[in-house]
Amino acid sequence: MGVVVPKRFARRSVTRTLLKRQIRAAVARQDAAETGLPAGLWVVRLRSPFAVKDFPSAASDALRQAARGELDTLLADAVRRSMRA
């Protein structure tokens, strides 16, 4: 699994590190589920910035919950798509 969190979307290193940890944890939760991610090469890339105005602290619970919810949705969709193929 690869994780890409560009500096232009997450300026602070603390935020980038938190997001990388959240991505790894989300993949681990998906692997622990009955219908985990199939074997293969997976890359998760941050494609848009998190608004600093909405999440002023990199270690805020709001940012963690937002990232966790979005990642869980994304990975569940990836599992569904891989099941169809």
PDB file of N, CA and C in Angstrom:
ATOM      1  N   MET A   1       0.849  -1.173   0.000  1.00  0.00           N
ATOM      2  CA  MET A   1       0.000   0.000   0.000  1.00  0.00           C
ATOM      3  C   MET A   1       0.896   1.238   0.000  1.00  0.00           C
ATOM      4  N   GLY A   2       0.518   2.180  -0.806  1.00  0.00           N
ATOM      5  CA  GLY A   2       1.248   3.435  -0.851  1.00  0.00           C
ATOM      6  C   GLY A   2       0.362   4.577  -0.382  1.00  0.00           C
ATOM      7  N   VAL A   3       0.967   5.561   0.255  1.00  0.00           N
ATOM      8  CA  VAL A   3       0.236   6.716   0.760  1.00  0.00           C
ATOM      9  C   VAL A   3       0.929   7.978   0.242  1.00  0.00           C
ATOM     10  N   VAL A   4       0.143   8.860  -0.391  1.00  0.00           N
ATOM     11  CA  VAL A   4       0.684  10.104  -0.913  1.00  0.00           C
ATOM     12  C   VAL A   4      -0.131  11.255  -0.337  1.00  0.00           C
ATOM     13  N   VAL A   5       0.517  12.096   0.443  1.00  0.00           N
ATOM     14  CA  VAL A   5      -0.114  13.281   1.018  1.00  0.00           C
ATOM     15  C   VAL A   5       0.774  14.472   0.660  1.00  0.00           C
ATOM     16  N   PRO A   6       0.462  15.150  -0.455  1.00  0.00           N
ATOM     17  CA  PRO A   6       1.318  16.246  -0.908  1.00  0.00           C
ATOM     18  C   PRO A   6       1.326  17.444   0.040  1.00  0.00           C
ATOM     19  N   LYS A   7       2.451  18.108   0.064  1.00  0.00           N
ATOM     20  CA  LYS A   7       2.611  19.277   0.922  1.00  0.00           C
ATOM     21  C   LYS A   7       1.699  20.419   0.498  1.00  0.00           C
ATOM     22  N   ARG A   8       1.350  20.508  -0.771  1.00  0.00           N
ATOM     23  CA  ARG A   8       0.496  21.615  -1.209  1.00  0.00           C
ATOM     24  C   ARG A   8      -0.935  21.480  -0.689  1.00  0.00           C
ATOM     25  N   PHE A   9      -1.363  20.258  -0.317  1.00  0.00           N
ATOM     26  CA  PHE A   9      -2.716  20.067   0.211  1.00  0.00           C
ATOM     27  C   PHE A   9      -2.750  20.010   1.736  1.00  0.00           C
ATOM     28  N   ALA A  10      -1.639  19.685   2.351  1.00  0.00           N
ATOM     29  CA  ALA A  10      -1.541  19.644   3.819  1.00  0.00           C
ATOM     30  C   ALA A  10      -0.205  20.278   4.174  1.00  0.00           C
ATOM     31  N   ARG A  11      -0.227  21.566   4.443  1.00  0.00           N
ATOM     32  CA  ARG A  11       1.000  22.346   4.608  1.00  0.00           C
ATOM     33  C   ARG A  11       1.826  21.916   5.824  1.00  0.00           C
ATOM     34  N   ARG A  12       1.170  21.608   6.923  1.00  0.00           N
ATOM     35  CA  ARG A  12       1.904  21.272   8.148  1.00  0.00           C
ATOM     36  C   ARG A  12       2.268  19.785   8.173  1.00  0.00           C
ATOM     37  N   SER A  13       3.477  19.479   8.587  1.00  0.00           N
ATOM     38  CA  SER A  13       3.914  18.082   8.632  1.00  0.00           C
ATOM     39  C   SER A  13       3.089  17.273   9.635  1.00  0.00           C
ATOM     40  N   VAL A  14       2.619  17.934  10.669  1.00  0.00           N
ATOM     41  CA  VAL A  14       1.774  17.258  11.662  1.00  0.00           C
ATOM     42  C   VAL A  14       0.488  16.766  11.006  1.00  0.00           C
ATOM     43  N   THR A  15      -0.086  17.589  10.145  1.00  0.00           N
ATOM     44  CA  THR A  15      -1.315  17.216   9.451  1.00  0.00           C
ATOM     45  C   THR A  15      -1.049  16.071   8.485  1.00  0.00           C
ATOM     46  N   ARG A  16       0.043  16.147   7.752  1.00  0.00           N
ATOM     47  CA  ARG A  16       0.375  15.071   6.804  1.00  0.00           C
ATOM     48  C   ARG A  16       0.588  13.750   7.538  1.00  0.00           C
ATOM     49  N   THR A  17       1.280  13.794   8.655  1.00  0.00           N
ATOM     50  CA  THR A  17       1.519  12.587   9.436  1.00  0.00           C
ATOM     51  C   THR A  17       0.215  12.017   9.978  1.00  0.00           C
ATOM     52  N   LEU A  18      -0.650  12.880  10.492  1.00  0.00           N
ATOM     53  CA  LEU A  18      -1.942  12.423  11.011  1.00  0.00           C
ATOM     54  C   LEU A  18      -2.759  11.759   9.907  1.00  0.00           C
ATOM     55  N   LEU A  19      -2.783  12.357   8.724  1.00  0.00           N
ATOM     56  CA  LEU A  19      -3.543  11.789   7.619  1.00  0.00           C
ATOM     57  C   LEU A  19      -2.965  10.445   7.178  1.00  0.00           C
ATOM     58  N   LYS A  20      -1.656  10.328   7.153  1.00  0.00           N
ATOM     59  CA  LYS A  20      -1.033   9.047   6.792  1.00  0.00           C
ATOM     60  C   LYS A  20      -1.398   7.961   7.803  1.00  0.00           C
ATOM     61  N   ARG A  21      -1.369   8.326   9.093  1.00  0.00           N
ATOM     62  CA  ARG A  21      -1.768   7.361  10.121  1.00  0.00           C
ATOM     63  C   ARG A  21      -3.219   6.950   9.962  1.00  0.00           C
ATOM     64  N   GLN A  22      -4.080   7.925   9.661  1.00  0.00           N
ATOM     65  CA  GLN A  22      -5.505   7.634   9.471  1.00  0.00           C
ATOM     66  C   GLN A  22      -5.701   6.698   8.281  1.00  0.00           C
ATOM     67  N   ILE A  23      -4.954   6.902   7.205  1.00  0.00           N
ATOM     68  CA  ILE A  23      -5.068   6.045   6.020  1.00  0.00           C
ATOM     69  C   ILE A  23      -4.652   4.622   6.366  1.00  0.00           C
ATOM     70  N   ARG A  24      -3.529   4.477   7.037  1.00  0.00           N
ATOM     71  CA  ARG A  24      -3.063   3.133   7.417  1.00  0.00           C
ATOM     72  C   ARG A  24      -4.059   2.440   8.346  1.00  0.00           C
ATOM     73  N   ALA A  25      -4.630   3.180   9.275  1.00  0.00           N
ATOM     74  CA  ALA A  25      -5.614   2.600  10.197  1.00  0.00           C
ATOM     75  C   ALA A  25      -6.881   2.187   9.453  1.00  0.00           C
ATOM     76  N   ALA A  26      -7.310   2.991   8.481  1.00  0.00           N
ATOM     77  CA  ALA A  26      -8.512   2.661   7.713  1.00  0.00           C
ATOM     78  C   ALA A  26      -8.301   1.384   6.900  1.00  0.00           C
ATOM     79  N   VAL A  27      -7.124   1.233   6.325  1.00  0.00           N
ATOM     80  CA  VAL A  27      -6.820   0.019   5.560  1.00  0.00           C
ATOM     81  C   VAL A  27      -6.774  -1.184   6.502  1.00  0.00           C
ATOM     82  N   ALA A  28      -6.221  -1.020   7.686  1.00  0.00           N
ATOM     83  CA  ALA A  28      -6.178  -2.109   8.664  1.00  0.00           C
ATOM     84  C   ALA A  28      -7.590  -2.509   9.094  1.00  0.00           C
ATOM     85  N   ARG A  29      -8.475  -1.518   9.280  1.00  0.00           N
ATOM     86  CA  ARG A  29      -9.872  -1.832   9.625  1.00  0.00           C
ATOM     87  C   ARG A  29     -10.546  -2.593   8.486  1.00  0.00           C
ATOM     88  N   GLN A  30     -10.269  -2.204   7.260  1.00  0.00           N
ATOM     89  CA  GLN A  30     -10.858  -2.881   6.101  1.00  0.00           C
ATOM     90  C   GLN A  30     -10.339  -4.305   6.003  1.00  0.00           C
ATOM     91  N   ASP A  31      -9.044  -4.520   6.273  1.00  0.00           N
ATOM     92  CA  ASP A  31      -8.473  -5.869   6.226  1.00  0.00           C
ATOM     93  C   ASP A  31      -9.054  -6.758   7.318  1.00  0.00           C
ATOM     94  N   ALA A  32      -9.389  -6.172   8.459  1.00  0.00           N
ATOM     95  CA  ALA A  32      -9.946  -6.945   9.565  1.00  0.00           C
ATOM     96  C   ALA A  32     -11.401  -7.336   9.305  1.00  0.00           C
ATOM     97  N   ALA A  33     -12.082  -6.595   8.442  1.00  0.00           N
ATOM     98  CA  ALA A  33     -13.478  -6.905   8.125  1.00  0.00           C
ATOM     99  C   ALA A  33     -13.540  -8.186   7.297  1.00  0.00           C
ATOM    100  N   GLU A  34     -14.729  -8.782   7.265  1.00  0.00           N
ATOM    101  CA  GLU A  34     -14.913 -10.026   6.513  1.00  0.00           C
ATOM    102  C   GLU A  34     -14.621  -9.828   5.029  1.00  0.00           C
ATOM    103  N   THR A  35     -15.061  -8.715   4.491  1.00  0.00           N
ATOM    104  CA  THR A  35     -14.841  -8.431   3.071  1.00  0.00           C
ATOM    105  C   THR A  35     -13.761  -7.369   2.934  1.00  0.00           C
ATOM    106  N   GLY A  36     -12.541  -7.743   3.265  1.00  0.00           N
ATOM    107  CA  GLY A  36     -11.430  -6.799   3.220  1.00  0.00           C
ATOM    108  C   GLY A  36     -10.992  -6.510   1.797  1.00  0.00           C
ATOM    109  N   LEU A  37     -10.017  -5.652   1.682  1.00  0.00           N
ATOM    110  CA  LEU A  37      -9.467  -5.325   0.373  1.00  0.00           C
ATOM    111  C   LEU A  37      -8.796  -6.549  -0.225  1.00  0.00           C
ATOM    112  N   PRO A  38      -9.019  -6.806  -1.505  1.00  0.00           N
ATOM    113  CA  PRO A  38      -8.331  -7.931  -2.133  1.00  0.00           C
ATOM    114  C   PRO A  38      -6.832  -7.647  -2.239  1.00  0.00           C
ATOM    115  N   ALA A  39      -6.067  -8.702  -2.369  1.00  0.00           N
ATOM    116  CA  ALA A  39      -4.624  -8.544  -2.488  1.00  0.00           C
ATOM    117  C   ALA A  39      -4.300  -7.741  -3.737  1.00  0.00           C
ATOM    118  N   GLY A  40      -3.309  -6.916  -3.640  1.00  0.00           N
ATOM    119  CA  GLY A  40      -2.904  -6.113  -4.788  1.00  0.00           C
ATOM    120  C   GLY A  40      -2.150  -4.885  -4.340  1.00  0.00           C
ATOM    121  N   LEU A  41      -1.851  -4.056  -5.305  1.00  0.00           N
ATOM    122  CA  LEU A  41      -1.159  -2.806  -5.028  1.00  0.00           C
ATOM    123  C   LEU A  41      -2.189  -1.703  -4.897  1.00  0.00           C
ATOM    124  N   TRP A  42      -2.199  -1.028  -3.767  1.00  0.00           N
ATOM    125  CA  TRP A  42      -3.169   0.037  -3.496  1.00  0.00           C
ATOM    126  C   TRP A  42      -2.418   1.323  -3.194  1.00  0.00           C
ATOM    127  N   VAL A  43      -2.884   2.411  -3.771  1.00  0.00           N
ATOM    128  CA  VAL A  43      -2.307   3.724  -3.513  1.00  0.00           C
ATOM    129  C   VAL A  43      -3.432   4.661  -3.100  1.00  0.00           C
ATOM    130  N   VAL A  44      -3.262   5.329  -1.983  1.00  0.00           N
ATOM    131  CA  VAL A  44      -4.227   6.319  -1.515  1.00  0.00           C
ATOM    132  C   VAL A  44      -3.540   7.669  -1.609  1.00  0.00           C
ATOM    133  N   ARG A  45      -4.173   8.595  -2.327  1.00  0.00           N
ATOM    134  CA  ARG A  45      -3.564   9.904  -2.566  1.00  0.00           C
ATOM    135  C   ARG A  45      -4.551  11.000  -2.195  1.00  0.00           C
ATOM    136  N   LEU A  46      -4.091  11.965  -1.429  1.00  0.00           N
ATOM    137  CA  LEU A  46      -4.903  13.129  -1.088  1.00  0.00           C
ATOM    138  C   LEU A  46      -4.968  14.022  -2.322  1.00  0.00           C
ATOM    139  N   ARG A  47      -6.201  14.299  -2.794  1.00  0.00           N
ATOM    140  CA  ARG A  47      -6.366  15.054  -4.028  1.00  0.00           C
ATOM    141  C   ARG A  47      -6.889  16.466  -3.818  1.00  0.00           C
ATOM    142  N   SER A  48      -7.333  16.758  -2.626  1.00  0.00           N
ATOM    143  CA  SER A  48      -7.813  18.108  -2.346  1.00  0.00           C
ATOM    144  C   SER A  48      -7.471  18.456  -0.903  1.00  0.00           C
ATOM    145  N   PRO A  49      -7.306  19.742  -0.632  1.00  0.00           N
ATOM    146  CA  PRO A  49      -6.883  20.146   0.721  1.00  0.00           C
ATOM    147  C   PRO A  49      -8.018  20.074   1.738  1.00  0.00           C
ATOM    148  N   PHE A  50      -7.629  19.892   2.983  1.00  0.00           N
ATOM    149  CA  PHE A  50      -8.561  20.048   4.091  1.00  0.00           C
ATOM    150  C   PHE A  50      -8.516  21.525   4.467  1.00  0.00           C
ATOM    151  N   ALA A  51      -9.656  22.145   4.643  1.00  0.00           N
ATOM    152  CA  ALA A  51      -9.723  23.575   4.940  1.00  0.00           C
ATOM    153  C   ALA A  51      -9.143  23.859   6.319  1.00  0.00           C
ATOM    154  N   VAL A  52      -8.118  24.688   6.355  1.00  0.00           N
ATOM    155  CA  VAL A  52      -7.483  25.060   7.625  1.00  0.00           C
ATOM    156  C   VAL A  52      -8.476  25.814   8.507  1.00  0.00           C
ATOM    157  N   LYS A  53      -9.378  26.553   7.883  1.00  0.00           N
ATOM    158  CA  LYS A  53     -10.382  27.305   8.639  1.00  0.00           C
ATOM    159  C   LYS A  53     -11.311  26.352   9.412  1.00  0.00           C
ATOM    160  N   ASP A  54     -11.661  25.210   8.782  1.00  0.00           N
ATOM    161  CA  ASP A  54     -12.543  24.239   9.429  1.00  0.00           C
ATOM    162  C   ASP A  54     -11.805  23.387  10.466  1.00  0.00           C
ATOM    163  N   PHE A  55     -10.513  23.162  10.231  1.00  0.00           N
ATOM    164  CA  PHE A  55      -9.721  22.312  11.116  1.00  0.00           C
ATOM    165  C   PHE A  55      -8.452  23.066  11.521  1.00  0.00           C
ATOM    166  N   PRO A  56      -8.549  24.000  12.475  1.00  0.00           N
ATOM    167  CA  PRO A  56      -7.391  24.826  12.836  1.00  0.00           C
ATOM    168  C   PRO A  56      -6.247  24.042  13.470  1.00  0.00           C
ATOM    169  N   SER A  57      -6.562  22.971  14.157  1.00  0.00           N
ATOM    170  CA  SER A  57      -5.525  22.173  14.801  1.00  0.00           C
ATOM    171  C   SER A  57      -5.329  20.872  14.025  1.00  0.00           C
ATOM    172  N   ALA A  58      -4.081  20.521  13.774  1.00  0.00           N
ATOM    173  CA  ALA A  58      -3.789  19.300  13.033  1.00  0.00           C
ATOM    174  C   ALA A  58      -4.181  18.054  13.828  1.00  0.00           C
ATOM    175  N   ALA A  59      -4.172  18.157  15.131  1.00  0.00           N
ATOM    176  CA  ALA A  59      -4.501  17.011  15.978  1.00  0.00           C
ATOM    177  C   ALA A  59      -5.935  17.076  16.500  1.00  0.00           C
ATOM    178  N   SER A  60      -6.786  17.834  15.849  1.00  0.00           N
ATOM    179  CA  SER A  60      -8.154  17.986  16.338  1.00  0.00           C
ATOM    180  C   SER A  60      -8.978  16.726  16.090  1.00  0.00           C
ATOM    181  N   ASP A  61      -9.906  16.473  16.977  1.00  0.00           N
ATOM    182  CA  ASP A  61     -10.797  15.326  16.810  1.00  0.00           C
ATOM    183  C   ASP A  61     -11.683  15.495  15.583  1.00  0.00           C
ATOM    184  N   ALA A  62     -12.029  16.724  15.262  1.00  0.00           N
ATOM    185  CA  ALA A  62     -12.871  16.968  14.078  1.00  0.00           C
ATOM    186  C   ALA A  62     -12.161  16.517  12.803  1.00  0.00           C
ATOM    187  N   LEU A  63     -10.864  16.805  12.686  1.00  0.00           N
ATOM    188  CA  LEU A  63     -10.103  16.380  11.508  1.00  0.00           C
ATOM    189  C   LEU A  63      -9.988  14.864  11.465  1.00  0.00           C
ATOM    190  N   ARG A  64      -9.741  14.262  12.605  1.00  0.00           N
ATOM    191  CA  ARG A  64      -9.641  12.795  12.658  1.00  0.00           C
ATOM    192  C   ARG A  64     -10.955  12.143  12.235  1.00  0.00           C
ATOM    193  N   GLN A  65     -12.060  12.652  12.736  1.00  0.00           N
ATOM    194  CA  GLN A  65     -13.360  12.068  12.386  1.00  0.00           C
ATOM    195  C   GLN A  65     -13.701  12.285  10.917  1.00  0.00           C
ATOM    196  N   ALA A  66     -13.387  13.462  10.398  1.00  0.00           N
ATOM    197  CA  ALA A  66     -13.656  13.746   8.986  1.00  0.00           C
ATOM    198  C   ALA A  66     -12.828  12.834   8.090  1.00  0.00           C
ATOM    199  N   ALA A  67     -11.557  12.686   8.411  1.00  0.00           N
ATOM    200  CA  ALA A  67     -10.680  11.828   7.620  1.00  0.00           C
ATOM    201  C   ALA A  67     -11.111  10.372   7.731  1.00  0.00           C
ATOM    202  N   ARG A  68     -11.453   9.939   8.932  1.00  0.00           N
ATOM    203  CA  ARG A  68     -11.862   8.549   9.123  1.00  0.00           C
ATOM    204  C   ARG A  68     -13.140   8.234   8.357  1.00  0.00           C
ATOM    205  N   GLY A  69     -14.116   9.121   8.427  1.00  0.00           N
ATOM    206  CA  GLY A  69     -15.371   8.895   7.713  1.00  0.00           C
ATOM    207  C   GLY A  69     -15.164   8.840   6.213  1.00  0.00           C
ATOM    208  N   GLU A  70     -14.380   9.764   5.683  1.00  0.00           N
ATOM    209  CA  GLU A  70     -14.130   9.795   4.245  1.00  0.00           C
ATOM    210  C   GLU A  70     -13.340   8.570   3.784  1.00  0.00           C
ATOM    211  N   LEU A  71     -12.350   8.172   4.561  1.00  0.00           N
ATOM    212  CA  LEU A  71     -11.551   6.998   4.199  1.00  0.00           C
ATOM    213  C   LEU A  71     -12.362   5.713   4.257  1.00  0.00           C
ATOM    214  N   ASP A  72     -13.184   5.564   5.286  1.00  0.00           N
ATOM    215  CA  ASP A  72     -14.015   4.363   5.381  1.00  0.00           C
ATOM    216  C   ASP A  72     -14.977   4.259   4.198  1.00  0.00           C
ATOM    217  N   THR A  73     -15.557   5.385   3.808  1.00  0.00           N
ATOM    218  CA  THR A  73     -16.448   5.401   2.650  1.00  0.00           C
ATOM    219  C   THR A  73     -15.688   5.048   1.374  1.00  0.00           C
ATOM    220  N   LEU A  74     -14.521   5.645   1.202  1.00  0.00           N
ATOM    221  CA  LEU A  74     -13.698   5.413   0.016  1.00  0.00           C
ATOM    222  C   LEU A  74     -13.285   3.943  -0.093  1.00  0.00           C
ATOM    223  N   LEU A  75     -12.807   3.367   0.999  1.00  0.00           N
ATOM    224  CA  LEU A  75     -12.347   1.989   0.961  1.00  0.00           C
ATOM    225  C   LEU A  75     -13.502   0.999   0.816  1.00  0.00           C
ATOM    226  N   ALA A  76     -14.640   1.285   1.412  1.00  0.00           N
ATOM    227  CA  ALA A  76     -15.809   0.419   1.228  1.00  0.00           C
ATOM    228  C   ALA A  76     -16.238   0.424  -0.237  1.00  0.00           C
ATOM    229  N   ASP A  77     -16.181   1.592  -0.872  1.00  0.00           N
ATOM    230  CA  ASP A  77     -16.506   1.692  -2.295  1.00  0.00           C
ATOM    231  C   ASP A  77     -15.486   0.893  -3.128  1.00  0.00           C
ATOM    232  N   ALA A  78     -14.226   0.959  -2.774  1.00  0.00           N
ATOM    233  CA  ALA A  78     -13.193   0.214  -3.497  1.00  0.00           C
ATOM    234  C   ALA A  78     -13.419  -1.298  -3.370  1.00  0.00           C
ATOM    235  N   VAL A  79     -13.843  -1.746  -2.187  1.00  0.00           N
ATOM    236  CA  VAL A  79     -14.120  -3.181  -1.999  1.00  0.00           C
ATOM    237  C   VAL A  79     -15.312  -3.587  -2.862  1.00  0.00           C
ATOM    238  N   ARG A  80     -16.365  -2.765  -2.873  1.00  0.00           N
ATOM    239  CA  ARG A  80     -17.540  -3.084  -3.698  1.00  0.00           C
ATOM    240  C   ARG A  80     -17.165  -3.175  -5.180  1.00  0.00           C
ATOM    241  N   ARG A  81     -16.378  -2.227  -5.641  1.00  0.00           N
ATOM    242  CA  ARG A  81     -15.970  -2.216  -7.051  1.00  0.00           C
ATOM    243  C   ARG A  81     -15.109  -3.440  -7.376  1.00  0.00           C
ATOM    244  N   SER A  82     -14.226  -3.847  -6.468  1.00  0.00           N
ATOM    245  CA  SER A  82     -13.374  -4.987  -6.738  1.00  0.00           C
ATOM    246  C   SER A  82     -14.173  -6.296  -6.716  1.00  0.00           C
ATOM    247  N   MET A  83     -15.246  -6.332  -5.946  1.00  0.00           N
ATOM    248  CA  MET A  83     -16.102  -7.522  -5.899  1.00  0.00           C
ATOM    249  C   MET A  83     -16.844  -7.700  -7.226  1.00  0.00           C
ATOM    250  N   ARG A  84     -17.225  -6.586  -7.833  1.00  0.00           N
ATOM    251  CA  ARG A  84     -17.943  -6.641  -9.115  1.00  0.00           C
ATOM    252  C   ARG A  84     -17.026  -7.112 -10.244  1.00  0.00           C
ATOM    253  N   ALA A  85     -15.756  -6.776 -10.138  1.00  0.00           N
ATOM    254  CA  ALA A  85     -14.825  -7.094 -11.242  1.00  0.00           C
ATOM    255  C   ALA A  85     -14.411  -8.552 -11.257  1.00  0.00           C
TER     256      ALA A  85
END
